[in-house]
Amino acid sequence: MNLKLKAALQTAGILVVTSTIAVGIQLLFTTLTAKELTNLLAIGSITFLIYCMYQVVLSRLEYEQKVDEIAKK
């Protein structure tokens, strides 16, 4: 696949995802109450923080494994 086609497909994908997110957010704001939005934001924030914690732990373990591999050589 040449680079121009690959760039066009990636750009189209980004536009589709962005449009879908925008429509989804608009639907959320029109159908949910303030209390429900607050709960959704809280759940989303907690989920994001757990994911960040997982990434930090994973990075530390990968780093330690790389150091052990280097030390064995």
N, C-alpha and C. Protein backbone atom coordinates (compact mmCIF):
# COMPACT_ATOMS: atom_id res chain seq x y z
N MET A 1 0.86 -1.18 0.00
CA MET A 1 0.00 0.00 0.00
C MET A 1 0.91 1.23 0.00
N ASN A 2 0.65 2.16 -0.91
CA ASN A 2 1.53 3.33 -0.95
C ASN A 2 1.15 4.32 0.15
N LEU A 3 2.05 5.24 0.39
CA LEU A 3 1.88 6.16 1.52
C LEU A 3 0.70 7.11 1.36
N LYS A 4 0.42 7.54 0.15
CA LYS A 4 -0.71 8.46 -0.06
C LYS A 4 -2.04 7.80 0.27
N LEU A 5 -2.19 6.55 -0.13
CA LEU A 5 -3.43 5.82 0.17
C LEU A 5 -3.53 5.55 1.67
N LYS A 6 -2.42 5.17 2.27
CA LYS A 6 -2.41 4.91 3.71
C LYS A 6 -2.76 6.17 4.50
N ALA A 7 -2.20 7.31 4.09
CA ALA A 7 -2.51 8.59 4.76
C ALA A 7 -3.97 8.95 4.58
N ALA A 8 -4.52 8.72 3.39
CA ALA A 8 -5.93 9.03 3.14
C ALA A 8 -6.84 8.16 4.00
N LEU A 9 -6.53 6.88 4.11
CA LEU A 9 -7.34 5.98 4.93
C LEU A 9 -7.27 6.35 6.41
N GLN A 10 -6.08 6.69 6.90
CA GLN A 10 -5.94 7.09 8.29
C GLN A 10 -6.69 8.39 8.57
N THR A 11 -6.61 9.34 7.63
CA THR A 11 -7.34 10.61 7.79
C THR A 11 -8.85 10.36 7.81
N ALA A 12 -9.33 9.51 6.92
CA ALA A 12 -10.76 9.19 6.89
C ALA A 12 -11.16 8.51 8.20
N GLY A 13 -10.35 7.62 8.70
CA GLY A 13 -10.64 6.95 9.96
C GLY A 13 -10.72 7.93 11.12
N ILE A 14 -9.79 8.87 11.16
CA ILE A 14 -9.79 9.88 12.22
C ILE A 14 -11.06 10.72 12.15
N LEU A 15 -11.45 11.11 10.94
CA LEU A 15 -12.67 11.91 10.78
C LEU A 15 -13.92 11.13 11.20
N VAL A 16 -13.98 9.86 10.88
CA VAL A 16 -15.13 9.03 11.27
C VAL A 16 -15.20 8.90 12.78
N VAL A 17 -14.08 8.61 13.40
CA VAL A 17 -14.05 8.46 14.86
C VAL A 17 -14.42 9.77 15.54
N THR A 18 -13.87 10.88 15.07
CA THR A 18 -14.17 12.19 15.66
C THR A 18 -15.64 12.53 15.51
N SER A 19 -16.20 12.29 14.34
CA SER A 19 -17.63 12.57 14.12
C SER A 19 -18.50 11.69 15.01
N THR A 20 -18.14 10.43 15.13
CA THR A 20 -18.91 9.51 15.97
C THR A 20 -18.88 9.95 17.43
N ILE A 21 -17.72 10.36 17.89
CA ILE A 21 -17.60 10.82 19.28
C ILE A 21 -18.43 12.09 19.48
N ALA A 22 -18.37 13.01 18.53
CA ALA A 22 -19.14 14.25 18.66
C ALA A 22 -20.64 13.97 18.72
N VAL A 23 -21.14 13.10 17.86
CA VAL A 23 -22.56 12.75 17.87
C VAL A 23 -22.92 12.04 19.18
N GLY A 24 -22.05 11.15 19.63
CA GLY A 24 -22.29 10.45 20.89
C GLY A 24 -22.37 11.39 22.08
N ILE A 25 -21.46 12.35 22.12
CA ILE A 25 -21.47 13.33 23.22
C ILE A 25 -22.74 14.17 23.16
N GLN A 26 -23.12 14.57 21.97
CA GLN A 26 -24.36 15.35 21.82
C GLN A 26 -25.57 14.55 22.31
N LEU A 27 -25.64 13.28 21.97
CA LEU A 27 -26.74 12.44 22.44
C LEU A 27 -26.72 12.29 23.96
N LEU A 28 -25.51 12.15 24.52
CA LEU A 28 -25.42 12.03 25.98
C LEU A 28 -25.95 13.28 26.67
N PHE A 29 -25.56 14.44 26.17
CA PHE A 29 -25.99 15.68 26.81
C PHE A 29 -27.49 15.92 26.68
N THR A 30 -28.08 15.43 25.61
CA THR A 30 -29.51 15.68 25.44
C THR A 30 -30.38 14.65 26.16
N THR A 31 -29.83 13.47 26.46
CA THR A 31 -30.67 12.43 27.06
C THR A 31 -30.40 12.20 28.55
N LEU A 32 -29.24 12.60 29.05
CA LEU A 32 -28.92 12.33 30.45
C LEU A 32 -29.14 13.56 31.31
N THR A 33 -29.47 13.30 32.57
CA THR A 33 -29.62 14.39 33.53
C THR A 33 -28.25 14.77 34.08
N ALA A 34 -28.20 15.87 34.83
CA ALA A 34 -26.94 16.33 35.40
C ALA A 34 -26.37 15.29 36.37
N LYS A 35 -27.22 14.64 37.14
CA LYS A 35 -26.77 13.62 38.08
C LYS A 35 -26.16 12.43 37.34
N GLU A 36 -26.80 12.02 36.27
CA GLU A 36 -26.28 10.89 35.49
C GLU A 36 -24.96 11.25 34.82
N LEU A 37 -24.84 12.48 34.33
CA LEU A 37 -23.59 12.92 33.73
C LEU A 37 -22.46 12.97 34.76
N THR A 38 -22.79 13.40 35.98
CA THR A 38 -21.80 13.43 37.05
C THR A 38 -21.31 12.02 37.36
N ASN A 39 -22.23 11.09 37.46
CA ASN A 39 -21.85 9.70 37.73
C ASN A 39 -21.01 9.13 36.58
N LEU A 40 -21.39 9.43 35.36
CA LEU A 40 -20.64 8.95 34.19
C LEU A 40 -19.23 9.53 34.18
N LEU A 41 -19.10 10.80 34.51
CA LEU A 41 -17.78 11.43 34.56
C LEU A 41 -16.93 10.82 35.67
N ALA A 42 -17.54 10.54 36.82
CA ALA A 42 -16.80 9.93 37.92
C ALA A 42 -16.32 8.52 37.55
N ILE A 43 -17.18 7.75 36.95
CA ILE A 43 -16.81 6.39 36.54
C ILE A 43 -15.72 6.43 35.48
N GLY A 44 -15.86 7.34 34.53
CA GLY A 44 -14.85 7.49 33.49
C GLY A 44 -13.49 7.90 34.05
N SER A 45 -13.51 8.83 35.01
CA SER A 45 -12.26 9.29 35.63
C SER A 45 -11.58 8.17 36.39
N ILE A 46 -12.35 7.42 37.16
CA ILE A 46 -11.78 6.32 37.93
C ILE A 46 -11.22 5.25 36.99
N THR A 47 -11.95 4.94 35.94
CA THR A 47 -11.48 3.96 34.96
C THR A 47 -10.17 4.42 34.32
N PHE A 48 -10.09 5.70 33.95
CA PHE A 48 -8.88 6.24 33.35
C PHE A 48 -7.71 6.17 34.32
N LEU A 49 -7.93 6.50 35.58
CA LEU A 49 -6.85 6.45 36.57
C LEU A 49 -6.38 5.02 36.81
N ILE A 50 -7.30 4.06 36.82
CA ILE A 50 -6.90 2.66 36.96
C ILE A 50 -6.06 2.23 35.76
N TYR A 51 -6.46 2.65 34.57
CA TYR A 51 -5.69 2.33 33.37
C TYR A 51 -4.28 2.94 33.44
N CYS A 52 -4.19 4.18 33.90
CA CYS A 52 -2.87 4.83 34.05
C CYS A 52 -2.01 4.08 35.05
N MET A 53 -2.60 3.66 36.16
CA MET A 53 -1.86 2.90 37.16
C MET A 53 -1.37 1.59 36.56
N TYR A 54 -2.20 0.92 35.79
CA TYR A 54 -1.81 -0.33 35.12
C TYR A 54 -0.63 -0.08 34.19
N GLN A 55 -0.67 1.01 33.42
CA GLN A 55 0.41 1.32 32.50
C GLN A 55 1.72 1.58 33.23
N VAL A 56 1.65 2.25 34.37
CA VAL A 56 2.87 2.52 35.15
C VAL A 56 3.46 1.21 35.67
N VAL A 57 2.62 0.34 36.22
CA VAL A 57 3.09 -0.94 36.74
C VAL A 57 3.67 -1.79 35.60
N LEU A 58 2.98 -1.83 34.46
CA LEU A 58 3.46 -2.59 33.31
C LEU A 58 4.81 -2.06 32.83
N SER A 59 4.96 -0.76 32.76
CA SER A 59 6.22 -0.17 32.32
C SER A 59 7.35 -0.52 33.28
N ARG A 60 7.06 -0.48 34.58
CA ARG A 60 8.08 -0.83 35.57
C ARG A 60 8.50 -2.28 35.42
N LEU A 61 7.56 -3.17 35.23
CA LEU A 61 7.88 -4.59 35.07
C LEU A 61 8.67 -4.85 33.79
N GLU A 62 8.29 -4.17 32.69
CA GLU A 62 9.02 -4.32 31.44
C GLU A 62 10.45 -3.79 31.58
N TYR A 63 10.59 -2.67 32.30
CA TYR A 63 11.91 -2.09 32.53
C TYR A 63 12.78 -3.06 33.33
N GLU A 64 12.22 -3.61 34.40
CA GLU A 64 12.98 -4.56 35.21
C GLU A 64 13.38 -5.79 34.41
N GLN A 65 12.50 -6.27 33.54
CA GLN A 65 12.81 -7.42 32.71
C GLN A 65 13.94 -7.09 31.74
N LYS A 66 13.90 -5.90 31.14
CA LYS A 66 14.96 -5.48 30.22
C LYS A 66 16.30 -5.38 30.95
N VAL A 67 16.28 -4.82 32.17
CA VAL A 67 17.51 -4.70 32.95
C VAL A 67 18.07 -6.08 33.26
N ASP A 68 17.21 -7.01 33.62
CA ASP A 68 17.66 -8.38 33.90
C ASP A 68 18.27 -9.02 32.67
N GLU A 69 17.65 -8.80 31.50
CA GLU A 69 18.19 -9.35 30.25
C GLU A 69 19.55 -8.76 29.94
N ILE A 70 19.70 -7.47 30.14
CA ILE A 70 20.99 -6.82 29.89
C ILE A 70 22.04 -7.32 30.87
N ALA A 71 21.65 -7.50 32.12
CA ALA A 71 22.59 -7.96 33.15
C ALA A 71 23.07 -9.38 32.87
N LYS A 72 22.21 -10.21 32.28
CA LYS A 72 22.59 -11.59 31.98
C LYS A 72 23.61 -11.66 30.85
N LYS A 73 23.60 -10.65 29.97
CA LYS A 73 24.55 -10.63 28.84
C LYS A 73 25.87 -10.21 29.37
